[in-house]
Each structure stands twice: as C-alpha cells, then as structure tokens.
Amino acid sequence: MDPLSITTSVIALVQALGVGVKFFSSMRQIPADFCDLSNELTDLQAVAEQVKTSLQEMENGDTKNAAVPGITASAIQTLEDDFALIVHELEALCGRLQKSGRHADIVGELRVSKRKWLREKDNVARLRAKASKTKQSLMLRFIALVSSQWWLDLHRTM
C-alpha cells in the first residue's frame, strides 16, 4: 500500500473520531465513566493526527516511494473498521442514554438518564476497553512508522 492510500485511510479515521469527540463534548452533567470514555476518544484522535502528520511528511520527503515496514493495507483497514464501529456504537449508546420527552431540557442540552446509565454501564466499560485497545494498536503502528522512517533515513546517509 502506498503512503497516499495510508494517508487517506488515516484522514478518514481522524474525521470519524472528530465526530465522536464533538458529540461527547456537547453533553453536560454526565457520569465520570462517560467522561473517561470521551477522553479516550480524544486520545485516539490525537494519536491518529500524529500518524496522519507523519505520513504526510513522508509523502512530501524523499521517502515517498519507499515501503513502510510494519504498516500494511490490511492493518490500516482493520483499524479504520474498528474506529468506525466504535464511533457507531458510541453514537447508539448516546442515543439510548439521553432523556427524552418531558425529561429533556428545554434549552436543547442533552441529559443522561440515571436509570439508563445504570443499565448501560457495562457497555460503556466495554467500549472504553475497545477504544483503548484500538489506540494502543494505532500507537504501535505509529512507532513502527517512525522507526522505519528513521531506519530508511539512516541508511540513505551512509
């Protein structure tokens, strides 16, 4: 897979994460676990931004046609699918947790139903673990990308 395709995939990941982060940041008065999940998404977005920036720098440099060991098309596609699934599940979870009808705020703020929160607590923990695992996987690929770039640069100067 060439760096342009990898960059395109990472950009799609960053945009999907941005939607999730924006949605969570608009909510008020949510439990601490839900805030932790929002922070996990923010971390995911930051790591994805780092990978995107590195890939763009590689494209613009002398290594744009070089193979990048450790980063394969299937690995990037798997991460992209994982991110899309996490964002979709988080949006569905948020929809289930919101108060509706007469319990909703007149101003339009989103409110979390305590009763629904207690039922969905296990799902929040599962999604947080899945987001953390995906972030770790992306960070490992980022480390492989940076170290392979360093290795290629080192051998070019020799």
C-alpha atoms as a PDB file:
ATOM      1  CA  MET A   1       0.000   0.000   0.000  1.00  0.00           C
ATOM      2  CA  ASP A   2       1.443   3.346  -0.959  1.00  0.00           C
ATOM      3  CA  PRO A   3       1.711   6.235   1.524  1.00  0.00           C
ATOM      4  CA  LEU A   4      -1.063   8.190  -0.220  1.00  0.00           C
ATOM      5  CA  SER A   5      -3.589   5.404   0.412  1.00  0.00           C
ATOM      6  CA  ILE A   6      -2.449   5.071   4.004  1.00  0.00           C
ATOM      7  CA  THR A   7      -2.785   8.826   4.481  1.00  0.00           C
ATOM      8  CA  THR A   8      -6.303   8.773   3.032  1.00  0.00           C
ATOM      9  CA  SER A   9      -7.309   5.998   5.424  1.00  0.00           C
ATOM     10  CA  VAL A  10      -5.861   7.836   8.416  1.00  0.00           C
ATOM     11  CA  ILE A  11      -7.646  11.063   7.435  1.00  0.00           C
ATOM     12  CA  ALA A  12     -10.934   9.137   7.357  1.00  0.00           C
ATOM     13  CA  LEU A  13     -10.144   7.781  10.828  1.00  0.00           C
ATOM     14  CA  VAL A  14      -9.439  11.256  12.190  1.00  0.00           C
ATOM     15  CA  GLN A  15     -12.692  12.616  10.771  1.00  0.00           C
ATOM     16  CA  ALA A  16     -14.708   9.763  12.273  1.00  0.00           C
ATOM     17  CA  LEU A  17     -13.101  10.349  15.655  1.00  0.00           C
ATOM     18  CA  GLY A  18     -13.772  14.079  15.380  1.00  0.00           C
ATOM     19  CA  VAL A  19     -17.493  13.420  15.036  1.00  0.00           C
ATOM     20  CA  GLY A  20     -17.475  11.292  18.180  1.00  0.00           C
ATOM     21  CA  VAL A  21     -15.472  13.801  20.189  1.00  0.00           C
ATOM     22  CA  LYS A  22     -17.679  16.698  19.088  1.00  0.00           C
ATOM     23  CA  PHE A  23     -20.814  14.812  20.124  1.00  0.00           C
ATOM     24  CA  PHE A  24     -19.455  13.969  23.576  1.00  0.00           C
ATOM     25  CA  SER A  25     -18.197  17.477  24.220  1.00  0.00           C
ATOM     26  CA  SER A  26     -21.725  18.856  23.731  1.00  0.00           C
ATOM     27  CA  MET A  27     -23.138  16.779  26.574  1.00  0.00           C
ATOM     28  CA  ARG A  28     -23.356  18.105  30.130  1.00  0.00           C
ATOM     29  CA  GLN A  29     -23.828  16.518  33.511  1.00  0.00           C
ATOM     30  CA  ILE A  30     -22.611  13.084  32.528  1.00  0.00           C
ATOM     31  CA  PRO A  31     -21.111  10.443  34.825  1.00  0.00           C
ATOM     32  CA  ALA A  32     -17.357  10.264  35.282  1.00  0.00           C
ATOM     33  CA  ASP A  33     -17.113   6.997  33.340  1.00  0.00           C
ATOM     34  CA  PHE A  34     -18.683   8.672  30.349  1.00  0.00           C
ATOM     35  CA  CYS A  35     -16.146  11.497  30.634  1.00  0.00           C
ATOM     36  CA  ASP A  36     -13.352   8.918  30.698  1.00  0.00           C
ATOM     37  CA  LEU A  37     -14.714   7.414  27.503  1.00  0.00           C
ATOM     38  CA  SER A  38     -14.777  10.856  25.917  1.00  0.00           C
ATOM     39  CA  ASN A  39     -11.154  11.384  26.983  1.00  0.00           C
ATOM     40  CA  GLU A  40     -10.239   8.045  25.424  1.00  0.00           C
ATOM     41  CA  LEU A  41     -11.736   9.206  22.130  1.00  0.00           C
ATOM     42  CA  THR A  42      -9.784  12.452  22.356  1.00  0.00           C
ATOM     43  CA  ASP A  43      -6.585  10.459  22.894  1.00  0.00           C
ATOM     44  CA  LEU A  44      -7.434   8.294  19.890  1.00  0.00           C
ATOM     45  CA  GLN A  45      -7.912  11.385  17.789  1.00  0.00           C
ATOM     46  CA  ALA A  46      -4.554  12.825  18.894  1.00  0.00           C
ATOM     47  CA  VAL A  47      -2.690   9.620  18.042  1.00  0.00           C
ATOM     48  CA  ALA A  48      -4.452   9.407  14.683  1.00  0.00           C
ATOM     49  CA  GLU A  49      -3.428  13.012  13.981  1.00  0.00           C
ATOM     50  CA  GLN A  50       0.198  12.142  14.756  1.00  0.00           C
ATOM     51  CA  VAL A  51       0.124   9.217  12.345  1.00  0.00           C
ATOM     52  CA  LYS A  52      -1.516  11.360   9.661  1.00  0.00           C
ATOM     53  CA  THR A  53       1.098  14.094  10.060  1.00  0.00           C
ATOM     54  CA  SER A  54       3.953  11.605   9.860  1.00  0.00           C
ATOM     55  CA  LEU A  55       2.519  10.013   6.745  1.00  0.00           C
ATOM     56  CA  GLN A  56       2.126  13.396   5.089  1.00  0.00           C
ATOM     57  CA  GLU A  57       5.715  14.288   5.961  1.00  0.00           C
ATOM     58  CA  MET A  58       6.847  11.000   4.444  1.00  0.00           C
ATOM     59  CA  GLU A  59       4.895  11.724   1.272  1.00  0.00           C
ATOM     60  CA  ASN A  60       6.475  15.150   0.931  1.00  0.00           C
ATOM     61  CA  GLY A  61      10.002  13.877   1.635  1.00  0.00           C
ATOM     62  CA  ASP A  62      12.435  11.685  -0.262  1.00  0.00           C
ATOM     63  CA  THR A  63      10.862   8.520   1.112  1.00  0.00           C
ATOM     64  CA  LYS A  64       7.552   8.893  -0.614  1.00  0.00           C
ATOM     65  CA  ASN A  65       8.010   5.789  -2.748  1.00  0.00           C
ATOM     66  CA  ALA A  66       9.684   3.717  -0.048  1.00  0.00           C
ATOM     67  CA  ALA A  67       7.955   0.767   1.503  1.00  0.00           C
ATOM     68  CA  VAL A  68       6.940   1.252   5.104  1.00  0.00           C
ATOM     69  CA  PRO A  69       7.590  -1.919   7.107  1.00  0.00           C
ATOM     70  CA  GLY A  70       5.042  -2.638   9.822  1.00  0.00           C
ATOM     71  CA  ILE A  71       2.229  -0.731   8.091  1.00  0.00           C
ATOM     72  CA  THR A  72       0.141  -2.881   5.775  1.00  0.00           C
ATOM     73  CA  ALA A  73      -3.064  -2.225   3.909  1.00  0.00           C
ATOM     74  CA  SER A  74      -4.953  -4.822   5.935  1.00  0.00           C
ATOM     75  CA  ALA A  75      -3.703  -3.376   9.241  1.00  0.00           C
ATOM     76  CA  ILE A  76      -4.836   0.128   8.311  1.00  0.00           C
ATOM     77  CA  GLN A  77      -8.173  -1.167   7.014  1.00  0.00           C
ATOM     78  CA  THR A  78      -8.730  -3.136  10.223  1.00  0.00           C
ATOM     79  CA  LEU A  79      -8.061  -0.039  12.327  1.00  0.00           C
ATOM     80  CA  GLU A  80     -10.350   2.028  10.124  1.00  0.00           C
ATOM     81  CA  ASP A  81     -13.126  -0.546  10.552  1.00  0.00           C
ATOM     82  CA  ASP A  82     -12.539  -0.660  14.318  1.00  0.00           C
ATOM     83  CA  PHE A  83     -12.748   3.132  14.597  1.00  0.00           C
ATOM     84  CA  ALA A  84     -15.932   3.256  12.518  1.00  0.00           C
ATOM     85  CA  LEU A  85     -17.504   0.534  14.657  1.00  0.00           C
ATOM     86  CA  ILE A  86     -16.544   2.261  17.911  1.00  0.00           C
ATOM     87  CA  VAL A  87     -17.944   5.600  16.716  1.00  0.00           C
ATOM     88  CA  HIS A  88     -21.171   3.921  15.558  1.00  0.00           C
ATOM     89  CA  GLU A  89     -21.581   2.077  18.867  1.00  0.00           C
ATOM     90  CA  LEU A  90     -20.864   5.247  20.848  1.00  0.00           C
ATOM     91  CA  GLU A  91     -23.459   7.210  18.903  1.00  0.00           C
ATOM     92  CA  ALA A  92     -26.017   4.453  19.515  1.00  0.00           C
ATOM     93  CA  LEU A  93     -25.109   4.378  23.206  1.00  0.00           C
ATOM     94  CA  CYS A  94     -25.512   8.147  23.488  1.00  0.00           C
ATOM     95  CA  GLY A  95     -28.909   7.916  21.842  1.00  0.00           C
ATOM     96  CA  ARG A  96     -30.007   5.290  24.365  1.00  0.00           C
ATOM     97  CA  LEU A  97     -28.720   7.269  27.359  1.00  0.00           C
ATOM     98  CA  GLN A  98     -30.402  10.573  26.558  1.00  0.00           C
ATOM     99  CA  LYS A  99     -33.500  11.612  28.445  1.00  0.00           C
ATOM    100  CA  SER A 100     -36.468  12.089  26.196  1.00  0.00           C
ATOM    101  CA  GLY A 101     -39.870  13.728  26.251  1.00  0.00           C
ATOM    102  CA  ARG A 102     -40.695  15.827  29.287  1.00  0.00           C
ATOM    103  CA  HIS A 103     -37.339  14.966  30.893  1.00  0.00           C
ATOM    104  CA  ALA A 104     -35.369  16.657  28.121  1.00  0.00           C
ATOM    105  CA  ASP A 105     -34.027  20.126  28.751  1.00  0.00           C
ATOM    106  CA  ILE A 106     -35.933  22.944  27.055  1.00  0.00           C
ATOM    107  CA  VAL A 107     -32.691  24.690  26.081  1.00  0.00           C
ATOM    108  CA  GLY A 108     -31.689  21.686  23.995  1.00  0.00           C
ATOM    109  CA  GLU A 109     -28.938  20.373  26.235  1.00  0.00           C
ATOM    110  CA  LEU A 110     -28.550  16.628  26.289  1.00  0.00           C
ATOM    111  CA  ARG A 111     -29.248  14.981  29.624  1.00  0.00           C
ATOM    112  CA  VAL A 112     -28.287  11.473  30.696  1.00  0.00           C
ATOM    113  CA  SER A 113     -30.914   9.270  32.276  1.00  0.00           C
ATOM    114  CA  LYS A 114     -29.522   7.801  35.502  1.00  0.00           C
ATOM    115  CA  ARG A 115     -31.649   4.669  35.162  1.00  0.00           C
ATOM    116  CA  LYS A 116     -30.498   4.074  31.592  1.00  0.00           C
ATOM    117  CA  TRP A 117     -26.920   4.802  32.636  1.00  0.00           C
ATOM    118  CA  LEU A 118     -27.011   2.004  35.212  1.00  0.00           C
ATOM    119  CA  ARG A 119     -28.245  -0.447  32.560  1.00  0.00           C
ATOM    120  CA  GLU A 120     -25.593   0.629  30.033  1.00  0.00           C
ATOM    121  CA  LYS A 121     -22.630   0.817  32.426  1.00  0.00           C
ATOM    122  CA  ASP A 122     -21.204  -2.492  31.178  1.00  0.00           C
ATOM    123  CA  ASN A 123     -21.439  -1.305  27.565  1.00  0.00           C
ATOM    124  CA  VAL A 124     -19.537   1.860  28.458  1.00  0.00           C
ATOM    125  CA  ALA A 125     -16.767  -0.188  30.087  1.00  0.00           C
ATOM    126  CA  ARG A 126     -16.623  -2.482  27.049  1.00  0.00           C
ATOM    127  CA  LEU A 127     -16.439   0.448  24.631  1.00  0.00           C
ATOM    128  CA  ARG A 128     -13.758   2.132  26.724  1.00  0.00           C
ATOM    129  CA  ALA A 129     -11.667  -1.052  26.659  1.00  0.00           C
ATOM    130  CA  LYS A 130     -12.170  -1.390  22.906  1.00  0.00           C
ATOM    131  CA  ALA A 131     -11.188   2.244  22.313  1.00  0.00           C
ATOM    132  CA  SER A 132      -8.088   1.804  24.469  1.00  0.00           C
ATOM    133  CA  LYS A 133      -7.078  -1.351  22.602  1.00  0.00           C
ATOM    134  CA  THR A 134      -7.516   0.380  19.245  1.00  0.00           C
ATOM    135  CA  LYS A 135      -5.460   3.338  20.450  1.00  0.00           C
ATOM    136  CA  GLN A 136      -2.658   1.037  21.565  1.00  0.00           C
ATOM    137  CA  SER A 137      -2.702  -0.714  18.207  1.00  0.00           C
ATOM    138  CA  LEU A 138      -2.540   2.596  16.376  1.00  0.00           C
ATOM    139  CA  MET A 139       0.313   3.764  18.600  1.00  0.00           C
ATOM    140  CA  LEU A 140       2.270   0.583  17.828  1.00  0.00           C
ATOM    141  CA  ARG A 141       1.800   1.183  14.113  1.00  0.00           C
ATOM    142  CA  PHE A 142       2.883   4.783  14.586  1.00  0.00           C
ATOM    143  CA  ILE A 143       6.044   3.642  16.354  1.00  0.00           C
ATOM    144  CA  ALA A 144       6.722   1.199  13.509  1.00  0.00           C
ATOM    145  CA  LEU A 145       6.193   4.008  11.017  1.00  0.00           C
ATOM    146  CA  VAL A 146       8.536   6.414  12.788  1.00  0.00           C
ATOM    147  CA  SER A 147      11.241   3.818  13.386  1.00  0.00           C
ATOM    148  CA  SER A 148      11.102   2.597   9.780  1.00  0.00           C
ATOM    149  CA  GLN A 149      11.372   6.196   8.599  1.00  0.00           C
ATOM    150  CA  TRP A 150      14.376   6.725  10.847  1.00  0.00           C
ATOM    151  CA  TRP A 151      15.948   3.488   9.611  1.00  0.00           C
ATOM    152  CA  LEU A 152      15.458   4.458   5.957  1.00  0.00           C
ATOM    153  CA  ASP A 153      16.934   7.904   6.582  1.00  0.00           C
ATOM    154  CA  LEU A 154      19.904   6.391   8.398  1.00  0.00           C
ATOM    155  CA  HIS A 155      20.706   4.034   5.529  1.00  0.00           C
ATOM    156  CA  ARG A 156      20.386   6.784   2.946  1.00  0.00           C
ATOM    157  CA  THR A 157      23.015   8.887   4.690  1.00  0.00           C
ATOM    158  CA  MET A 158      25.507   6.004   4.780  1.00  0.00           C
END
